[in-house]
Amino acid sequence: MDRTVTVVPEAGLHARPAATFVETASEYDATVTISPADGDANPVDASSMLAVTGLGVKSGEDVRLVAEGDDAEAALDALEDVLSTPESG
């Protein structure tokens, strides 16, 4: 299963939004990867903080999520929610 999502938090996939994203990815029985939707970088493990922040994804950019496993659809739904929610505070 795969899905393309636009990153909404102002910080992009850095700091708090990245931590929430990685924490959420780790909660599901699924292997999830993330990459820029333009295909400029190889997919990385969505449960790795270093890998996710290393992508340098900014607010407004699209990412491609790919999930495999029993909870693949639920993981994609939850991760899309994280990426589509503006950062509070």
PDB file of N, CA and C in Angstrom:
ATOM      1  N   MET A   1       0.850  -1.180   0.000  1.00  0.00           N
ATOM      2  CA  MET A   1       0.000   0.000   0.000  1.00  0.00           C
ATOM      3  C   MET A   1       0.892   1.237   0.000  1.00  0.00           C
ATOM      4  N   ASP A   2       0.496   2.226  -0.751  1.00  0.00           N
ATOM      5  CA  ASP A   2       1.257   3.467  -0.712  1.00  0.00           C
ATOM      6  C   ASP A   2       0.301   4.646  -0.783  1.00  0.00           C
ATOM      7  N   ARG A   3       0.799   5.781  -0.349  1.00  0.00           N
ATOM      8  CA  ARG A   3      -0.012   6.991  -0.298  1.00  0.00           C
ATOM      9  C   ARG A   3       0.909   8.207  -0.405  1.00  0.00           C
ATOM     10  N   THR A   4       0.465   9.220  -1.124  1.00  0.00           N
ATOM     11  CA  THR A   4       1.201  10.481  -1.203  1.00  0.00           C
ATOM     12  C   THR A   4       0.485  11.504  -0.329  1.00  0.00           C
ATOM     13  N   VAL A   5       1.263  12.166   0.530  1.00  0.00           N
ATOM     14  CA  VAL A   5       0.700  13.093   1.517  1.00  0.00           C
ATOM     15  C   VAL A   5       1.488  14.392   1.483  1.00  0.00           C
ATOM     16  N   THR A   6       0.793  15.519   1.622  1.00  0.00           N
ATOM     17  CA  THR A   6       1.453  16.827   1.733  1.00  0.00           C
ATOM     18  C   THR A   6       1.732  17.111   3.203  1.00  0.00           C
ATOM     19  N   VAL A   7       2.975  17.498   3.498  1.00  0.00           N
ATOM     20  CA  VAL A   7       3.390  17.800   4.874  1.00  0.00           C
ATOM     21  C   VAL A   7       2.877  19.176   5.261  1.00  0.00           C
ATOM     22  N   VAL A   8       2.081  19.247   6.342  1.00  0.00           N
ATOM     23  CA  VAL A   8       1.453  20.487   6.771  1.00  0.00           C
ATOM     24  C   VAL A   8       2.218  21.228   7.885  1.00  0.00           C
ATOM     25  N   PRO A   9       2.771  20.537   8.902  1.00  0.00           N
ATOM     26  CA  PRO A   9       3.427  21.281   9.993  1.00  0.00           C
ATOM     27  C   PRO A   9       4.482  22.253   9.474  1.00  0.00           C
ATOM     28  N   GLU A  10       4.505  23.454  10.070  1.00  0.00           N
ATOM     29  CA  GLU A  10       5.441  24.494   9.620  1.00  0.00           C
ATOM     30  C   GLU A  10       6.893  24.052   9.679  1.00  0.00           C
ATOM     31  N   ALA A  11       7.224  23.200  10.653  1.00  0.00           N
ATOM     32  CA  ALA A  11       8.607  22.738  10.808  1.00  0.00           C
ATOM     33  C   ALA A  11       8.963  21.648   9.806  1.00  0.00           C
ATOM     34  N   GLY A  12       7.984  21.214   9.007  1.00  0.00           N
ATOM     35  CA  GLY A  12       8.238  20.097   8.099  1.00  0.00           C
ATOM     36  C   GLY A  12       8.440  18.834   8.918  1.00  0.00           C
ATOM     37  N   LEU A  13       9.311  17.955   8.447  1.00  0.00           N
ATOM     38  CA  LEU A  13       9.587  16.731   9.208  1.00  0.00           C
ATOM     39  C   LEU A  13      10.855  16.910  10.036  1.00  0.00           C
ATOM     40  N   HIS A  14      10.810  17.851  10.954  1.00  0.00           N
ATOM     41  CA  HIS A  14      11.910  18.122  11.872  1.00  0.00           C
ATOM     42  C   HIS A  14      11.333  18.295  13.265  1.00  0.00           C
ATOM     43  N   ALA A  15      12.164  18.154  14.259  1.00  0.00           N
ATOM     44  CA  ALA A  15      11.799  18.393  15.649  1.00  0.00           C
ATOM     45  C   ALA A  15      10.550  17.619  16.076  1.00  0.00           C
ATOM     46  N   ARG A  16       9.597  18.331  16.654  1.00  0.00           N
ATOM     47  CA  ARG A  16       8.411  17.684  17.224  1.00  0.00           C
ATOM     48  C   ARG A  16       7.584  16.906  16.193  1.00  0.00           C
ATOM     49  N   PRO A  17       7.286  17.462  15.011  1.00  0.00           N
ATOM     50  CA  PRO A  17       6.506  16.677  14.036  1.00  0.00           C
ATOM     51  C   PRO A  17       7.210  15.374  13.639  1.00  0.00           C
ATOM     52  N   ALA A  18       8.519  15.406  13.495  1.00  0.00           N
ATOM     53  CA  ALA A  18       9.252  14.186  13.132  1.00  0.00           C
ATOM     54  C   ALA A  18       9.193  13.171  14.260  1.00  0.00           C
ATOM     55  N   ALA A  19       9.322  13.632  15.496  1.00  0.00           N
ATOM     56  CA  ALA A  19       9.255  12.724  16.644  1.00  0.00           C
ATOM     57  C   ALA A  19       7.885  12.059  16.724  1.00  0.00           C
ATOM     58  N   THR A  20       6.830  12.823  16.504  1.00  0.00           N
ATOM     59  CA  THR A  20       5.473  12.271  16.520  1.00  0.00           C
ATOM     60  C   THR A  20       5.296  11.279  15.387  1.00  0.00           C
ATOM     61  N   PHE A  21       5.815  11.606  14.221  1.00  0.00           N
ATOM     62  CA  PHE A  21       5.716  10.738  13.050  1.00  0.00           C
ATOM     63  C   PHE A  21       6.404   9.392  13.313  1.00  0.00           C
ATOM     64  N   VAL A  22       7.638   9.445  13.806  1.00  0.00           N
ATOM     65  CA  VAL A  22       8.418   8.231  14.072  1.00  0.00           C
ATOM     66  C   VAL A  22       7.750   7.389  15.157  1.00  0.00           C
ATOM     67  N   GLU A  23       7.277   8.042  16.219  1.00  0.00           N
ATOM     68  CA  GLU A  23       6.592   7.343  17.307  1.00  0.00           C
ATOM     69  C   GLU A  23       5.339   6.628  16.781  1.00  0.00           C
ATOM     70  N   THR A  24       4.582   7.309  15.943  1.00  0.00           N
ATOM     71  CA  THR A  24       3.369   6.731  15.365  1.00  0.00           C
ATOM     72  C   THR A  24       3.709   5.546  14.459  1.00  0.00           C
ATOM     73  N   ALA A  25       4.729   5.682  13.638  1.00  0.00           N
ATOM     74  CA  ALA A  25       5.130   4.600  12.728  1.00  0.00           C
ATOM     75  C   ALA A  25       5.511   3.343  13.502  1.00  0.00           C
ATOM     76  N   SER A  26       6.086   3.530  14.676  1.00  0.00           N
ATOM     77  CA  SER A  26       6.549   2.398  15.482  1.00  0.00           C
ATOM     78  C   SER A  26       5.417   1.657  16.187  1.00  0.00           C
ATOM     79  N   GLU A  27       4.234   2.239  16.236  1.00  0.00           N
ATOM     80  CA  GLU A  27       3.118   1.657  16.970  1.00  0.00           C
ATOM     81  C   GLU A  27       2.378   0.563  16.196  1.00  0.00           C
ATOM     82  N   TYR A  28       2.676   0.395  14.928  1.00  0.00           N
ATOM     83  CA  TYR A  28       1.905  -0.520  14.085  1.00  0.00           C
ATOM     84  C   TYR A  28       2.720  -1.727  13.651  1.00  0.00           C
ATOM     85  N   ASP A  29       2.012  -2.839  13.419  1.00  0.00           N
ATOM     86  CA  ASP A  29       2.631  -4.051  12.921  1.00  0.00           C
ATOM     87  C   ASP A  29       2.728  -3.930  11.397  1.00  0.00           C
ATOM     88  N   ALA A  30       3.617  -3.036  10.980  1.00  0.00           N
ATOM     89  CA  ALA A  30       3.813  -2.774   9.556  1.00  0.00           C
ATOM     90  C   ALA A  30       5.203  -2.179   9.360  1.00  0.00           C
ATOM     91  N   THR A  31       5.771  -2.476   8.214  1.00  0.00           N
ATOM     92  CA  THR A  31       7.036  -1.852   7.834  1.00  0.00           C
ATOM     93  C   THR A  31       6.679  -0.665   6.955  1.00  0.00           C
ATOM     94  N   VAL A  32       7.093   0.536   7.387  1.00  0.00           N
ATOM     95  CA  VAL A  32       6.729   1.751   6.663  1.00  0.00           C
ATOM     96  C   VAL A  32       7.987   2.479   6.222  1.00  0.00           C
ATOM     97  N   THR A  33       7.987   2.914   4.958  1.00  0.00           N
ATOM     98  CA  THR A  33       9.075   3.759   4.475  1.00  0.00           C
ATOM     99  C   THR A  33       8.496   5.081   4.007  1.00  0.00           C
ATOM    100  N   ILE A  34       9.354   6.086   3.992  1.00  0.00           N
ATOM    101  CA  ILE A  34       8.953   7.424   3.545  1.00  0.00           C
ATOM    102  C   ILE A  34      10.027   7.960   2.612  1.00  0.00           C
ATOM    103  N   SER A  35       9.581   8.677   1.593  1.00  0.00           N
ATOM    104  CA  SER A  35      10.507   9.315   0.659  1.00  0.00           C
ATOM    105  C   SER A  35       9.829  10.535   0.061  1.00  0.00           C
ATOM    106  N   PRO A  36      10.621  11.500  -0.436  1.00  0.00           N
ATOM    107  CA  PRO A  36      10.006  12.616  -1.144  1.00  0.00           C
ATOM    108  C   PRO A  36       9.227  12.084  -2.347  1.00  0.00           C
ATOM    109  N   ALA A  37       8.067  12.638  -2.605  1.00  0.00           N
ATOM    110  CA  ALA A  37       7.213  12.160  -3.692  1.00  0.00           C
ATOM    111  C   ALA A  37       7.849  12.370  -5.064  1.00  0.00           C
ATOM    112  N   ASP A  38       8.803  13.294  -5.162  1.00  0.00           N
ATOM    113  CA  ASP A  38       9.439  13.565  -6.451  1.00  0.00           C
ATOM    114  C   ASP A  38      10.468  12.493  -6.828  1.00  0.00           C
ATOM    115  N   GLY A  39      10.743  11.567  -5.899  1.00  0.00           N
ATOM    116  CA  GLY A  39      11.656  10.474  -6.192  1.00  0.00           C
ATOM    117  C   GLY A  39      13.121  10.835  -6.151  1.00  0.00           C
ATOM    118  N   ASP A  40      13.458  11.996  -5.605  1.00  0.00           N
ATOM    119  CA  ASP A  40      14.857  12.439  -5.566  1.00  0.00           C
ATOM    120  C   ASP A  40      15.697  11.719  -4.520  1.00  0.00           C
ATOM    121  N   ALA A  41      15.067  11.037  -3.564  1.00  0.00           N
ATOM    122  CA  ALA A  41      15.815  10.336  -2.519  1.00  0.00           C
ATOM    123  C   ALA A  41      15.248   8.931  -2.353  1.00  0.00           C
ATOM    124  N   ASN A  42      16.091   8.030  -1.893  1.00  0.00           N
ATOM    125  CA  ASN A  42      15.646   6.662  -1.640  1.00  0.00           C
ATOM    126  C   ASN A  42      14.730   6.625  -0.424  1.00  0.00           C
ATOM    127  N   PRO A  43      13.773   5.704  -0.394  1.00  0.00           N
ATOM    128  CA  PRO A  43      12.900   5.568   0.779  1.00  0.00           C
ATOM    129  C   PRO A  43      13.715   5.211   2.019  1.00  0.00           C
ATOM    130  N   VAL A  44      13.298   5.742   3.168  1.00  0.00           N
ATOM    131  CA  VAL A  44      13.965   5.441   4.434  1.00  0.00           C
ATOM    132  C   VAL A  44      12.944   4.871   5.420  1.00  0.00           C
ATOM    133  N   ASP A  45      13.441   4.221   6.445  1.00  0.00           N
ATOM    134  CA  ASP A  45      12.619   3.620   7.488  1.00  0.00           C
ATOM    135  C   ASP A  45      11.881   4.720   8.262  1.00  0.00           C
ATOM    136  N   ALA A  46      10.548   4.653   8.266  1.00  0.00           N
ATOM    137  CA  ALA A  46       9.744   5.679   8.931  1.00  0.00           C
ATOM    138  C   ALA A  46       9.843   5.624  10.448  1.00  0.00           C
ATOM    139  N   SER A  47      10.415   4.551  10.993  1.00  0.00           N
ATOM    140  CA  SER A  47      10.554   4.461  12.447  1.00  0.00           C
ATOM    141  C   SER A  47      11.941   4.903  12.916  1.00  0.00           C
ATOM    142  N   SER A  48      12.737   5.485  12.026  1.00  0.00           N
ATOM    143  CA  SER A  48      14.076   5.972  12.370  1.00  0.00           C
ATOM    144  C   SER A  48      14.104   7.499  12.352  1.00  0.00           C
ATOM    145  N   MET A  49      14.259   8.093  13.531  1.00  0.00           N
ATOM    146  CA  MET A  49      14.278   9.562  13.651  1.00  0.00           C
ATOM    147  C   MET A  49      15.386  10.162  12.779  1.00  0.00           C
ATOM    148  N   LEU A  50      16.566   9.579  12.818  1.00  0.00           N
ATOM    149  CA  LEU A  50      17.696  10.106  12.047  1.00  0.00           C
ATOM    150  C   LEU A  50      17.412  10.053  10.551  1.00  0.00           C
ATOM    151  N   ALA A  51      16.847   8.934  10.094  1.00  0.00           N
ATOM    152  CA  ALA A  51      16.550   8.782   8.671  1.00  0.00           C
ATOM    153  C   ALA A  51      15.467   9.763   8.226  1.00  0.00           C
ATOM    154  N   VAL A  52      14.416   9.897   9.034  1.00  0.00           N
ATOM    155  CA  VAL A  52      13.295  10.776   8.673  1.00  0.00           C
ATOM    156  C   VAL A  52      13.736  12.234   8.627  1.00  0.00           C
ATOM    157  N   THR A  53      14.448  12.691   9.653  1.00  0.00           N
ATOM    158  CA  THR A  53      14.888  14.087   9.654  1.00  0.00           C
ATOM    159  C   THR A  53      15.943  14.326   8.577  1.00  0.00           C
ATOM    160  N   GLY A  54      16.694  13.286   8.235  1.00  0.00           N
ATOM    161  CA  GLY A  54      17.725  13.397   7.199  1.00  0.00           C
ATOM    162  C   GLY A  54      17.167  13.660   5.813  1.00  0.00           C
ATOM    163  N   LEU A  55      15.881  13.373   5.613  1.00  0.00           N
ATOM    164  CA  LEU A  55      15.263  13.647   4.310  1.00  0.00           C
ATOM    165  C   LEU A  55      15.134  15.148   4.056  1.00  0.00           C
ATOM    166  N   GLY A  56      15.059  15.945   5.120  1.00  0.00           N
ATOM    167  CA  GLY A  56      14.951  17.395   4.958  1.00  0.00           C
ATOM    168  C   GLY A  56      13.638  17.851   4.349  1.00  0.00           C
ATOM    169  N   VAL A  57      12.556  17.143   4.631  1.00  0.00           N
ATOM    170  CA  VAL A  57      11.255  17.488   4.064  1.00  0.00           C
ATOM    171  C   VAL A  57      10.705  18.746   4.729  1.00  0.00           C
ATOM    172  N   LYS A  58      10.272  19.682   3.899  1.00  0.00           N
ATOM    173  CA  LYS A  58       9.756  20.960   4.398  1.00  0.00           C
ATOM    174  C   LYS A  58       8.231  21.000   4.302  1.00  0.00           C
ATOM    175  N   SER A  59       7.649  21.936   5.020  1.00  0.00           N
ATOM    176  CA  SER A  59       6.197  22.131   4.969  1.00  0.00           C
ATOM    177  C   SER A  59       5.772  22.430   3.535  1.00  0.00           C
ATOM    178  N   GLY A  60       4.668  21.807   3.112  1.00  0.00           N
ATOM    179  CA  GLY A  60       4.152  22.010   1.770  1.00  0.00           C
ATOM    180  C   GLY A  60       4.669  21.017   0.750  1.00  0.00           C
ATOM    181  N   GLU A  61       5.687  20.233   1.124  1.00  0.00           N
ATOM    182  CA  GLU A  61       6.222  19.238   0.202  1.00  0.00           C
ATOM    183  C   GLU A  61       5.429  17.936   0.324  1.00  0.00           C
ATOM    184  N   ASP A  62       5.418  17.170  -0.756  1.00  0.00           N
ATOM    185  CA  ASP A  62       4.726  15.884  -0.767  1.00  0.00           C
ATOM    186  C   ASP A  62       5.714  14.764  -0.458  1.00  0.00           C
ATOM    187  N   VAL A  63       5.237  13.785   0.312  1.00  0.00           N
ATOM    188  CA  VAL A  63       6.029  12.599   0.589  1.00  0.00           C
ATOM    189  C   VAL A  63       5.233  11.369   0.169  1.00  0.00           C
ATOM    190  N   ARG A  64       5.946  10.297  -0.111  1.00  0.00           N
ATOM    191  CA  ARG A  64       5.308   9.020  -0.453  1.00  0.00           C
ATOM    192  C   ARG A  64       5.545   8.055   0.697  1.00  0.00           C
ATOM    193  N   LEU A  65       4.459   7.539   1.239  1.00  0.00           N
ATOM    194  CA  LEU A  65       4.519   6.547   2.306  1.00  0.00           C
ATOM    195  C   LEU A  65       4.197   5.182   1.710  1.00  0.00           C
ATOM    196  N   VAL A  66       4.983   4.180   2.058  1.00  0.00           N
ATOM    197  CA  VAL A  66       4.725   2.817   1.622  1.00  0.00           C
ATOM    198  C   VAL A  66       4.699   1.935   2.864  1.00  0.00           C
ATOM    199  N   ALA A  67       3.635   1.144   3.013  1.00  0.00           N
ATOM    200  CA  ALA A  67       3.496   0.281   4.187  1.00  0.00           C
ATOM    201  C   ALA A  67       3.188  -1.145   3.760  1.00  0.00           C
ATOM    202  N   GLU A  68       3.805  -2.087   4.463  1.00  0.00           N
ATOM    203  CA  GLU A  68       3.546  -3.513   4.256  1.00  0.00           C
ATOM    204  C   GLU A  68       3.381  -4.150   5.621  1.00  0.00           C
ATOM    205  N   GLY A  69       2.414  -5.058   5.735  1.00  0.00           N
ATOM    206  CA  GLY A  69       2.192  -5.760   6.994  1.00  0.00           C
ATOM    207  C   GLY A  69       0.735  -5.732   7.387  1.00  0.00           C
ATOM    208  N   ASP A  70       0.431  -6.398   8.505  1.00  0.00           N
ATOM    209  CA  ASP A  70      -0.954  -6.542   8.965  1.00  0.00           C
ATOM    210  C   ASP A  70      -1.651  -5.205   9.193  1.00  0.00           C
ATOM    211  N   ASP A  71      -0.922  -4.219   9.706  1.00  0.00           N
ATOM    212  CA  ASP A  71      -1.521  -2.921  10.038  1.00  0.00           C
ATOM    213  C   ASP A  71      -1.211  -1.845   9.000  1.00  0.00           C
ATOM    214  N   ALA A  72      -0.883  -2.236   7.781  1.00  0.00           N
ATOM    215  CA  ALA A  72      -0.428  -1.274   6.771  1.00  0.00           C
ATOM    216  C   ALA A  72      -1.409  -0.128   6.568  1.00  0.00           C
ATOM    217  N   GLU A  73      -2.683  -0.439   6.367  1.00  0.00           N
ATOM    218  CA  GLU A  73      -3.653   0.621   6.107  1.00  0.00           C
ATOM    219  C   GLU A  73      -3.837   1.525   7.324  1.00  0.00           C
ATOM    220  N   ALA A  74      -3.912   0.929   8.510  1.00  0.00           N
ATOM    221  CA  ALA A  74      -4.066   1.725   9.731  1.00  0.00           C
ATOM    222  C   ALA A  74      -2.844   2.614   9.952  1.00  0.00           C
ATOM    223  N   ALA A  75      -1.661   2.086   9.661  1.00  0.00           N
ATOM    224  CA  ALA A  75      -0.436   2.877   9.807  1.00  0.00           C
ATOM    225  C   ALA A  75      -0.456   4.063   8.851  1.00  0.00           C
ATOM    226  N   LEU A  76      -0.839   3.832   7.595  1.00  0.00           N
ATOM    227  CA  LEU A  76      -0.905   4.934   6.627  1.00  0.00           C
ATOM    228  C   LEU A  76      -1.924   5.984   7.056  1.00  0.00           C
ATOM    229  N   ASP A  77      -3.073   5.541   7.552  1.00  0.00           N
ATOM    230  CA  ASP A  77      -4.099   6.489   8.023  1.00  0.00           C
ATOM    231  C   ASP A  77      -3.553   7.356   9.146  1.00  0.00           C
ATOM    232  N   ALA A  78      -2.901   6.724  10.126  1.00  0.00           N
ATOM    233  CA  ALA A  78      -2.380   7.457  11.285  1.00  0.00           C
ATOM    234  C   ALA A  78      -1.254   8.404  10.888  1.00  0.00           C
ATOM    235  N   LEU A  79      -0.373   7.950  10.009  1.00  0.00           N
ATOM    236  CA  LEU A  79       0.750   8.794   9.585  1.00  0.00           C
ATOM    237  C   LEU A  79       0.275   9.952   8.718  1.00  0.00           C
ATOM    238  N   GLU A  80      -0.729   9.706   7.887  1.00  0.00           N
ATOM    239  CA  GLU A  80      -1.294  10.802   7.106  1.00  0.00           C
ATOM    240  C   GLU A  80      -1.891  11.856   8.038  1.00  0.00           C
ATOM    241  N   ASP A  81      -2.544  11.405   9.100  1.00  0.00           N
ATOM    242  CA  ASP A  81      -3.116  12.328  10.077  1.00  0.00           C
ATOM    243  C   ASP A  81      -2.031  13.186  10.729  1.00  0.00           C
ATOM    244  N   VAL A  82      -0.902  12.556  11.098  1.00  0.00           N
ATOM    245  CA  VAL A  82       0.216  13.297  11.700  1.00  0.00           C
ATOM    246  C   VAL A  82       0.736  14.353  10.727  1.00  0.00           C
ATOM    247  N   LEU A  83       0.925  13.976   9.475  1.00  0.00           N
ATOM    248  CA  LEU A  83       1.499  14.891   8.487  1.00  0.00           C
ATOM    249  C   LEU A  83       0.525  15.974   8.044  1.00  0.00           C
ATOM    250  N   SER A  84      -0.778  15.729   8.209  1.00  0.00           N
ATOM    251  CA  SER A  84      -1.795  16.678   7.744  1.00  0.00           C
ATOM    252  C   SER A  84      -2.275  17.629   8.834  1.00  0.00           C
ATOM    253  N   THR A  85      -1.756  17.472  10.033  1.00  0.00           N
ATOM    254  CA  THR A  85      -2.195  18.292  11.167  1.00  0.00           C
ATOM    255  C   THR A  85      -1.171  19.391  11.437  1.00  0.00           C
ATOM    256  N   PRO A  86      -1.610  20.670  11.425  1.00  0.00           N
ATOM    257  CA  PRO A  86      -0.685  21.752  11.737  1.00  0.00           C
ATOM    258  C   PRO A  86      -0.131  21.582  13.155  1.00  0.00           C
ATOM    259  N   GLU A  87       1.131  21.943  13.328  1.00  0.00           N
ATOM    260  CA  GLU A  87       1.764  21.849  14.644  1.00  0.00           C
ATOM    261  C   GLU A  87       1.131  22.853  15.599  1.00  0.00           C
ATOM    262  N   SER A  88       0.815  22.388  16.796  1.00  0.00           N
ATOM    263  CA  SER A  88       0.214  23.296  17.784  1.00  0.00           C
ATOM    264  C   SER A  88       1.294  23.830  18.707  1.00  0.00           C
ATOM    265  N   GLY A  89       1.001  24.977  19.286  1.00  0.00           N
ATOM    266  CA  GLY A  89       1.942  25.531  20.254  1.00  0.00           C
ATOM    267  C   GLY A  89       2.640  26.671  19.670  1.00  0.00           C
TER     268      GLY A  89
END
